[in-house]
Amino acid sequence: MFSYIKIIKLYLFLILVCFLNLFSTSSISHEIKPSIADFTYDENYLNFKIRLNAELILSNIDASTVSNTDSSSKSEIYDKFRILSKKDLEQMFQNSWIEISSNIDIKINNKTKKITLIKTEVEDIKNFEISRDTHVYLKVLLDKNSEQFTFRWIKNYGPIILRENNNNKLEDELVTEYLQSGIESNQFSFKENISSKTFNSFTKFFILGVQHIIPKGLDHILFIFGLFLFSSSINKLIKQITIFTIAHSITLIFVSLSLIKINPQIVEPIIALSIVYVGFENIFKNYIKEYSRYILILFFGLLHGLGFALVLSDIGYKGSKLFLNLVSFNIGIEAAQILLILFLYLLVGIKFSKYRYYRITFQIPSSILIASIGLYWFFERINLF
């Protein structure tokens, strides 16, 4: 028993250290979002309208290694750009265009082409705590021999979503691709859609789903950990995860079909509260009826589905690609959740949960820690911190 208690204490200490180090990344106000590049083309030009974070690019923060600007060593530089006026930031971006354009590689027929900056438009947002988007308009000269193009920018600029806008194509023919940091796109054809392959699309959005849980979805990880702490019985865990899966799949579909809309400033604080509630419910589990636990998981699953949908809301697959998008992303989420549950079950559930002092030494302290972190995030997400 003595060795078991030592293991539990060490485990709790490691959890505490990890979460305290990650507190600074939980603010949604400075969270790094994927950029979006909408492209069109005609006989003469390939045109791009890219929504990006100009302050992020100008401050040289490596968006491939951090998910929040506050966790970067260059956060002070970012904040200095953030307080610039709309006009000053536009001018600063234009003055830096030669360097920025050297980090963007657009190839036509496998040859790198010159990128022309047409204009830069910065959103006029006065609240410093809300990140603002910058819309950059670009063009690349085409000729009669242009058949396909690829897009890539340096990994420091983070992930980017490429979306085709073309009134001459059916919705199912339009191309959308999610690019991880620094990855070159598939070849986009100017004549026919030969680049959007089902396997590639499935793989990319499966990976996106996994990454939204591990390592980026710390709040969802805590919620899953909270479900595990209520009961280490594998049968009960499967029931809880199944209910949670069904629930978040419903809201994910509804949002992606534009049947309901999301306000992240409301959803994110409530998700934090759901973590608080699950933590406290674990502490007082002896007074909780099991069926009511499942009802709450259903409700929280619907809520977390809104959080998952925030990731996909900008990508905008249409027609049949919407179904592929949802399925692959959702399977990625489930794979990550199952891995978490299996890891916890193998680490703690099989043996340690049977010990007499398991609840006092592990279950209750961990639940208090989870509830405390969730409460911290709630206050932070309503801008009290």
Protein backbone atom coordinates (compact mmCIF):
# COMPACT_ATOMS: atom_id res chain seq x y z
CA MET A 1 0.00 0.00 0.00
CA PHE A 2 2.85 2.37 0.75
CA SER A 3 4.26 2.10 -2.78
CA TYR A 4 0.81 2.64 -4.26
CA ILE A 5 0.32 5.87 -2.27
CA LYS A 6 3.72 7.11 -3.41
CA ILE A 7 2.78 6.45 -7.03
CA ILE A 8 -0.52 8.28 -6.63
CA LYS A 9 1.18 11.30 -5.02
CA LEU A 10 3.77 11.43 -7.78
CA TYR A 11 1.05 11.15 -10.41
CA LEU A 12 -0.94 13.99 -8.84
CA PHE A 13 2.16 16.15 -8.63
CA LEU A 14 2.90 15.64 -12.33
CA ILE A 15 -0.70 16.49 -13.24
CA LEU A 16 -0.55 19.67 -11.17
CA VAL A 17 2.74 20.79 -12.72
CA CYS A 18 1.51 20.15 -16.26
CA PHE A 19 -1.76 22.02 -15.79
CA LEU A 20 -0.18 24.98 -14.05
CA ASN A 21 2.28 25.32 -16.92
CA LEU A 22 -0.58 25.21 -19.40
CA PHE A 23 -2.81 27.79 -17.72
CA SER A 24 -1.41 30.53 -19.87
CA THR A 25 -2.65 28.78 -23.04
CA SER A 26 -6.29 28.57 -22.09
CA SER A 27 -7.37 32.10 -22.98
CA ILE A 28 -9.61 32.15 -26.04
CA SER A 29 -8.89 35.84 -26.64
CA HIS A 30 -5.34 35.16 -27.90
CA GLU A 31 -5.88 31.64 -29.22
CA ILE A 32 -4.25 31.03 -32.61
CA LYS A 33 -6.81 30.09 -35.24
CA PRO A 34 -6.09 28.49 -38.63
CA SER A 35 -5.84 30.99 -41.46
CA ILE A 36 -8.27 30.71 -44.36
CA ALA A 37 -7.39 31.21 -48.02
CA ASP A 38 -10.30 31.54 -50.45
CA PHE A 39 -9.14 31.28 -54.04
CA THR A 40 -10.67 31.97 -57.45
CA TYR A 41 -9.16 31.98 -60.92
CA ASP A 42 -9.85 33.11 -64.46
CA GLU A 43 -7.86 33.10 -67.68
CA ASN A 44 -5.40 35.69 -66.41
CA TYR A 45 -5.00 35.41 -62.63
CA LEU A 46 -5.14 33.11 -59.65
CA ASN A 47 -6.65 35.25 -56.87
CA PHE A 48 -6.47 34.74 -53.11
CA LYS A 49 -8.28 36.33 -50.22
CA ILE A 50 -6.49 35.16 -47.06
CA ARG A 51 -7.86 35.73 -43.58
CA LEU A 52 -4.91 35.69 -41.20
CA ASN A 53 -3.52 37.14 -37.99
CA ALA A 54 -1.18 39.92 -39.14
CA GLU A 55 0.13 40.57 -35.62
CA LEU A 56 1.13 36.91 -35.35
CA ILE A 57 3.08 36.99 -38.60
CA LEU A 58 4.76 40.35 -37.92
CA SER A 59 5.88 39.28 -34.44
CA ASN A 60 7.47 36.07 -35.82
CA ILE A 61 5.67 33.82 -33.35
CA ASP A 62 6.00 30.17 -34.33
CA ALA A 63 2.34 29.11 -34.65
CA SER A 64 3.39 25.49 -35.22
CA THR A 65 4.59 25.13 -31.63
CA VAL A 66 2.08 27.19 -29.61
CA SER A 67 -1.71 27.42 -29.66
CA ASN A 68 -1.95 30.74 -27.83
CA THR A 69 0.14 33.88 -28.28
CA ASP A 70 0.40 34.36 -24.51
CA SER A 71 2.50 31.21 -24.24
CA SER A 72 5.12 32.51 -26.68
CA SER A 73 8.30 34.28 -25.57
CA LYS A 74 7.39 36.94 -28.17
CA SER A 75 3.97 37.69 -26.69
CA GLU A 76 5.03 41.24 -25.73
CA ILE A 77 5.96 41.96 -29.35
CA TYR A 78 2.60 40.57 -30.43
CA ASP A 79 0.80 42.84 -27.96
CA LYS A 80 2.63 45.89 -29.33
CA PHE A 81 1.36 45.10 -32.82
CA ARG A 82 -2.07 44.38 -31.33
CA ILE A 83 -2.48 47.94 -30.01
CA LEU A 84 -1.64 49.51 -33.35
CA SER A 85 -4.46 51.27 -35.14
CA LYS A 86 -6.12 49.64 -38.12
CA LYS A 87 -4.34 51.96 -40.54
CA ASP A 88 -0.91 51.56 -38.90
CA LEU A 89 -1.13 47.76 -38.90
CA GLU A 90 -2.13 47.71 -42.58
CA GLN A 91 0.86 49.91 -43.41
CA MET A 92 3.20 47.80 -41.30
CA PHE A 93 2.06 44.61 -43.07
CA GLN A 94 2.48 46.20 -46.51
CA ASN A 95 5.96 47.45 -45.61
CA SER A 96 6.93 43.89 -44.61
CA TRP A 97 5.39 42.28 -47.67
CA ILE A 98 8.67 41.46 -49.44
CA GLU A 99 9.81 39.37 -46.48
CA ILE A 100 6.35 37.84 -45.92
CA SER A 101 5.91 36.91 -49.58
CA SER A 102 9.24 35.08 -49.53
CA ASN A 103 7.69 32.73 -46.98
CA ILE A 104 4.72 31.89 -49.23
CA ASP A 105 5.29 29.47 -52.11
CA ILE A 106 2.66 29.30 -54.87
CA LYS A 107 3.69 27.06 -57.73
CA ILE A 108 2.04 27.01 -61.16
CA ASN A 109 2.89 23.83 -63.08
CA ASN A 110 5.50 23.09 -60.36
CA LYS A 111 7.26 26.43 -60.80
CA THR A 112 7.32 29.10 -58.07
CA LYS A 113 5.58 32.30 -59.17
CA LYS A 114 5.69 35.92 -58.05
CA ILE A 115 2.86 36.91 -55.69
CA THR A 116 1.42 40.39 -56.00
CA LEU A 117 -0.17 42.07 -52.99
CA ILE A 118 -3.34 43.90 -54.06
CA LYS A 119 -4.56 45.29 -50.73
CA THR A 120 -4.70 44.65 -46.99
CA GLU A 121 -7.78 45.16 -44.81
CA VAL A 122 -7.60 44.96 -41.01
CA GLU A 123 -10.80 44.49 -39.03
CA ASP A 124 -11.64 47.48 -36.85
CA ILE A 125 -11.90 45.87 -33.40
CA LYS A 126 -11.34 48.14 -30.42
CA ASN A 127 -11.30 45.48 -27.69
CA PHE A 128 -7.68 44.47 -27.11
CA GLU A 129 -8.79 41.14 -25.61
CA ILE A 130 -10.39 40.01 -28.88
CA SER A 131 -8.02 38.95 -31.64
CA ARG A 132 -8.67 40.70 -34.94
CA ASP A 133 -8.46 39.28 -38.44
CA THR A 134 -6.63 40.78 -41.38
CA HIS A 135 -7.79 40.10 -44.94
CA VAL A 136 -5.00 40.01 -47.50
CA TYR A 137 -5.77 40.05 -51.24
CA LEU A 138 -3.20 38.48 -53.58
CA LYS A 139 -2.91 37.52 -57.23
CA VAL A 140 -0.61 35.35 -59.34
CA LEU A 141 -0.30 35.73 -63.10
CA LEU A 142 -1.48 32.80 -65.23
CA ASP A 143 -0.96 31.95 -68.89
CA LYS A 144 -2.65 29.65 -71.39
CA ASN A 145 -0.42 26.73 -70.31
CA SER A 146 -1.33 26.94 -66.61
CA GLU A 147 -2.86 23.63 -65.55
CA GLN A 148 -2.48 23.29 -61.80
CA PHE A 149 -1.07 25.01 -58.71
CA THR A 150 0.09 24.19 -55.20
CA PHE A 151 0.20 26.36 -52.08
CA ARG A 152 2.52 26.29 -49.09
CA TRP A 153 3.73 28.73 -46.48
CA ILE A 154 6.30 28.34 -43.72
CA LYS A 155 5.32 26.36 -40.64
CA ASN A 156 5.70 29.43 -38.39
CA TYR A 157 2.51 30.84 -39.93
CA GLY A 158 0.53 27.86 -38.64
CA PRO A 159 -2.18 25.78 -40.34
CA ILE A 160 -4.26 27.15 -43.18
CA ILE A 161 -7.48 26.14 -44.90
CA LEU A 162 -7.69 26.42 -48.70
CA ARG A 163 -11.19 26.89 -50.12
CA GLU A 164 -12.19 27.13 -53.76
CA ASN A 165 -14.84 29.64 -54.87
CA ASN A 166 -16.10 28.95 -58.37
CA ASN A 167 -19.60 29.68 -59.65
CA ASN A 168 -18.97 27.48 -62.68
CA LYS A 169 -18.58 24.33 -60.60
CA LEU A 170 -21.13 22.27 -58.73
CA GLU A 171 -20.91 22.36 -54.95
CA ASP A 172 -19.61 18.79 -54.85
CA GLU A 173 -16.76 19.73 -57.20
CA LEU A 174 -15.39 22.59 -55.09
CA VAL A 175 -12.11 21.85 -53.35
CA THR A 176 -11.32 22.43 -49.68
CA GLU A 177 -8.10 21.34 -48.03
CA TYR A 178 -6.78 21.69 -44.48
CA LEU A 179 -3.00 22.12 -44.41
CA GLN A 180 -0.96 21.46 -41.30
CA SER A 181 1.82 23.96 -40.54
CA GLY A 182 4.38 24.11 -43.36
CA ILE A 183 2.76 21.36 -45.47
CA GLU A 184 2.35 21.82 -49.22
CA SER A 185 -1.14 21.36 -50.64
CA ASN A 186 -2.21 18.79 -53.18
CA GLN A 187 -2.24 20.00 -56.76
CA PHE A 188 -5.35 22.05 -57.57
CA SER A 189 -6.40 21.75 -61.19
CA PHE A 190 -7.68 24.74 -63.17
CA LYS A 191 -9.53 22.45 -65.56
CA GLU A 192 -11.01 19.61 -63.55
CA ASN A 193 -11.13 18.53 -59.95
CA ILE A 194 -8.56 15.76 -59.82
CA SER A 195 -6.81 16.75 -56.57
CA SER A 196 -9.53 16.24 -53.99
CA LYS A 197 -9.15 12.57 -53.24
CA THR A 198 -11.35 10.87 -50.70
CA PHE A 199 -8.53 9.16 -48.84
CA ASN A 200 -6.47 12.34 -48.48
CA SER A 201 -9.48 14.31 -47.27
CA PHE A 202 -10.43 11.62 -44.76
CA THR A 203 -6.87 11.40 -43.43
CA LYS A 204 -6.43 15.16 -43.03
CA PHE A 205 -9.68 15.66 -41.10
CA PHE A 206 -9.15 12.52 -39.05
CA ILE A 207 -5.82 13.99 -37.91
CA LEU A 208 -7.52 17.33 -37.26
CA GLY A 209 -10.06 15.56 -35.01
CA VAL A 210 -7.34 13.76 -33.08
CA GLN A 211 -5.33 16.95 -32.62
CA HIS A 212 -8.38 18.83 -31.36
CA ILE A 213 -8.32 16.44 -28.38
CA ILE A 214 -4.61 15.58 -28.16
CA PRO A 215 -2.80 17.89 -27.58
CA LYS A 216 -4.95 21.00 -28.21
CA GLY A 217 -8.19 20.08 -26.41
CA LEU A 218 -7.07 20.33 -22.82
CA ASP A 219 -10.59 21.21 -21.65
CA HIS A 220 -12.02 18.14 -23.40
CA ILE A 221 -9.23 15.98 -21.97
CA LEU A 222 -10.15 17.12 -18.46
CA PHE A 223 -13.81 16.35 -19.08
CA ILE A 224 -12.97 12.81 -20.23
CA PHE A 225 -10.70 12.43 -17.19
CA GLY A 226 -13.64 13.50 -15.04
CA LEU A 227 -15.84 10.81 -16.60
CA PHE A 228 -13.18 8.24 -15.82
CA LEU A 229 -12.91 9.33 -12.19
CA PHE A 230 -16.61 8.78 -11.55
CA SER A 231 -16.19 5.07 -12.23
CA SER A 232 -13.27 2.97 -13.44
CA SER A 233 -15.64 0.17 -14.53
CA ILE A 234 -14.99 -0.43 -18.22
CA ASN A 235 -18.67 -1.13 -18.89
CA LYS A 236 -19.78 2.15 -17.31
CA LEU A 237 -17.01 4.01 -19.11
CA ILE A 238 -18.19 2.64 -22.45
CA LYS A 239 -21.76 3.73 -21.68
CA GLN A 240 -20.65 7.24 -20.74
CA ILE A 241 -18.41 7.66 -23.80
CA THR A 242 -21.15 6.30 -26.08
CA ILE A 243 -23.70 8.81 -24.74
CA PHE A 244 -21.16 11.62 -24.96
CA THR A 245 -20.32 10.64 -28.55
CA ILE A 246 -23.95 10.55 -29.69
CA ALA A 247 -24.65 13.91 -28.08
CA HIS A 248 -21.70 15.86 -29.47
CA SER A 249 -22.23 14.30 -32.91
CA ILE A 250 -25.76 15.72 -32.96
CA THR A 251 -24.73 19.31 -32.28
CA LEU A 252 -21.70 18.97 -34.56
CA ILE A 253 -24.02 18.03 -37.44
CA PHE A 254 -26.56 20.75 -36.61
CA VAL A 255 -23.93 23.49 -36.56
CA SER A 256 -22.21 22.26 -39.72
CA LEU A 257 -25.56 22.31 -41.53
CA SER A 258 -26.10 25.88 -40.27
CA LEU A 259 -29.21 24.81 -38.36
CA ILE A 260 -27.89 26.49 -35.22
CA LYS A 261 -25.26 29.18 -34.69
CA ILE A 262 -22.43 29.32 -32.16
CA ASN A 263 -21.25 32.18 -30.00
CA PRO A 264 -17.81 31.09 -28.69
CA GLN A 265 -17.94 33.72 -25.94
CA ILE A 266 -20.90 31.83 -24.48
CA VAL A 267 -19.96 28.25 -25.36
CA GLU A 268 -16.37 28.26 -24.05
CA PRO A 269 -17.20 29.50 -20.50
CA ILE A 270 -20.03 26.95 -20.22
CA ILE A 271 -17.69 24.15 -21.30
CA ALA A 272 -15.39 25.23 -18.48
CA LEU A 273 -18.34 25.06 -16.06
CA SER A 274 -19.13 21.53 -17.25
CA ILE A 275 -15.65 20.51 -16.09
CA VAL A 276 -16.30 22.13 -12.71
CA TYR A 277 -19.60 20.28 -12.34
CA VAL A 278 -18.15 16.89 -13.29
CA GLY A 279 -15.36 17.38 -10.75
CA PHE A 280 -17.78 18.21 -7.93
CA GLU A 281 -20.12 15.40 -8.90
CA ASN A 282 -17.25 12.94 -8.55
CA ILE A 283 -16.59 14.21 -5.04
CA PHE A 284 -20.21 13.67 -4.02
CA LYS A 285 -20.80 10.58 -6.17
CA ASN A 286 -22.33 8.66 -3.26
CA TYR A 287 -25.29 11.04 -3.42
CA ILE A 288 -25.67 10.91 -7.22
CA LYS A 289 -28.00 8.47 -8.93
CA GLU A 290 -26.42 6.73 -11.89
CA TYR A 291 -29.21 7.51 -14.37
CA SER A 292 -28.95 11.24 -13.60
CA ARG A 293 -25.22 11.03 -14.40
CA TYR A 294 -26.05 9.77 -17.89
CA ILE A 295 -28.57 12.58 -18.43
CA LEU A 296 -25.93 15.14 -17.49
CA ILE A 297 -23.39 13.52 -19.82
CA LEU A 298 -25.94 13.76 -22.64
CA PHE A 299 -26.40 17.48 -21.95
CA PHE A 300 -22.67 18.15 -21.68
CA GLY A 301 -22.07 16.14 -24.84
CA LEU A 302 -24.40 18.47 -26.74
CA LEU A 303 -22.49 21.40 -25.27
CA HIS A 304 -19.04 20.04 -26.15
CA GLY A 305 -20.30 19.35 -29.68
CA LEU A 306 -20.65 23.11 -30.06
CA GLY A 307 -17.02 23.44 -29.06
CA PHE A 308 -15.99 20.83 -31.64
CA ALA A 309 -18.06 22.63 -34.27
CA LEU A 310 -16.09 25.84 -33.70
CA VAL A 311 -13.09 24.10 -35.25
CA LEU A 312 -15.03 23.18 -38.39
CA SER A 313 -17.17 26.30 -38.73
CA ASP A 314 -14.58 28.07 -40.89
CA ILE A 315 -13.75 25.14 -43.16
CA GLY A 316 -17.11 24.95 -44.89
CA TYR A 317 -17.24 21.72 -46.86
CA LYS A 318 -20.32 21.71 -49.06
CA GLY A 319 -22.52 19.03 -50.56
CA SER A 320 -21.24 15.48 -50.15
CA LYS A 321 -17.91 16.74 -48.81
CA LEU A 322 -19.70 17.96 -45.71
CA PHE A 323 -20.51 14.36 -44.81
CA LEU A 324 -16.91 13.23 -45.37
CA ASN A 325 -15.68 16.18 -43.34
CA LEU A 326 -17.94 15.40 -40.38
CA VAL A 327 -17.32 11.66 -40.40
CA SER A 328 -13.52 11.84 -40.57
CA PHE A 329 -13.29 14.66 -38.00
CA ASN A 330 -15.66 12.85 -35.63
CA ILE A 331 -13.81 9.55 -35.97
CA GLY A 332 -10.59 11.39 -35.12
CA ILE A 333 -12.20 12.81 -31.99
CA GLU A 334 -13.44 9.38 -30.94
CA ALA A 335 -10.08 7.74 -31.57
CA ALA A 336 -8.42 10.30 -29.29
CA GLN A 337 -11.09 9.85 -26.59
CA ILE A 338 -10.77 6.07 -26.67
CA LEU A 339 -6.99 6.32 -26.40
CA LEU A 340 -7.37 8.56 -23.35
CA ILE A 341 -9.80 6.19 -21.68
CA LEU A 342 -7.63 3.14 -22.42
CA PHE A 343 -4.56 4.94 -21.11
CA LEU A 344 -6.30 5.86 -17.84
CA TYR A 345 -7.85 2.42 -17.49
CA LEU A 346 -4.53 0.65 -18.00
CA LEU A 347 -2.66 3.11 -15.77
CA VAL A 348 -5.10 3.30 -12.89
CA GLY A 349 -8.36 1.44 -13.45
CA ILE A 350 -7.23 -2.19 -13.72
CA LYS A 351 -5.32 -2.42 -10.45
CA PHE A 352 -5.17 0.73 -8.37
CA SER A 353 -8.92 1.45 -8.35
CA LYS A 354 -9.44 -1.72 -6.32
CA TYR A 355 -7.40 -0.47 -3.39
CA ARG A 356 -9.21 0.61 -0.27
CA TYR A 357 -7.77 4.12 -0.21
CA TYR A 358 -8.15 4.78 -3.96
CA ARG A 359 -11.01 7.25 -3.47
CA ILE A 360 -9.25 9.27 -0.76
CA THR A 361 -5.78 9.30 -2.30
CA PHE A 362 -6.63 9.66 -5.98
CA GLN A 363 -10.28 10.06 -6.96
CA ILE A 364 -11.19 12.98 -4.70
CA PRO A 365 -7.89 14.94 -5.03
CA SER A 366 -7.97 14.58 -8.82
CA SER A 367 -11.62 15.70 -8.94
CA ILE A 368 -10.82 18.76 -6.81
CA LEU A 369 -7.95 19.58 -9.17
CA ILE A 370 -10.19 19.22 -12.23
CA ALA A 371 -12.92 21.40 -10.73
CA SER A 372 -10.36 24.06 -9.73
CA ILE A 373 -8.89 24.23 -13.22
CA GLY A 374 -12.35 24.39 -14.77
CA LEU A 375 -13.29 27.23 -12.44
CA TYR A 376 -10.08 29.10 -13.31
CA TRP A 377 -10.87 28.75 -17.02
CA PHE A 378 -14.45 29.93 -16.48
CA PHE A 379 -13.32 33.17 -14.84
CA GLU A 380 -10.61 33.63 -17.46
CA ARG A 381 -13.04 33.09 -20.34
CA ILE A 382 -15.42 35.71 -19.03
CA ASN A 383 -12.42 38.06 -18.77
CA LEU A 384 -12.27 38.30 -14.98
CA PHE A 385 -8.58 37.34 -15.09
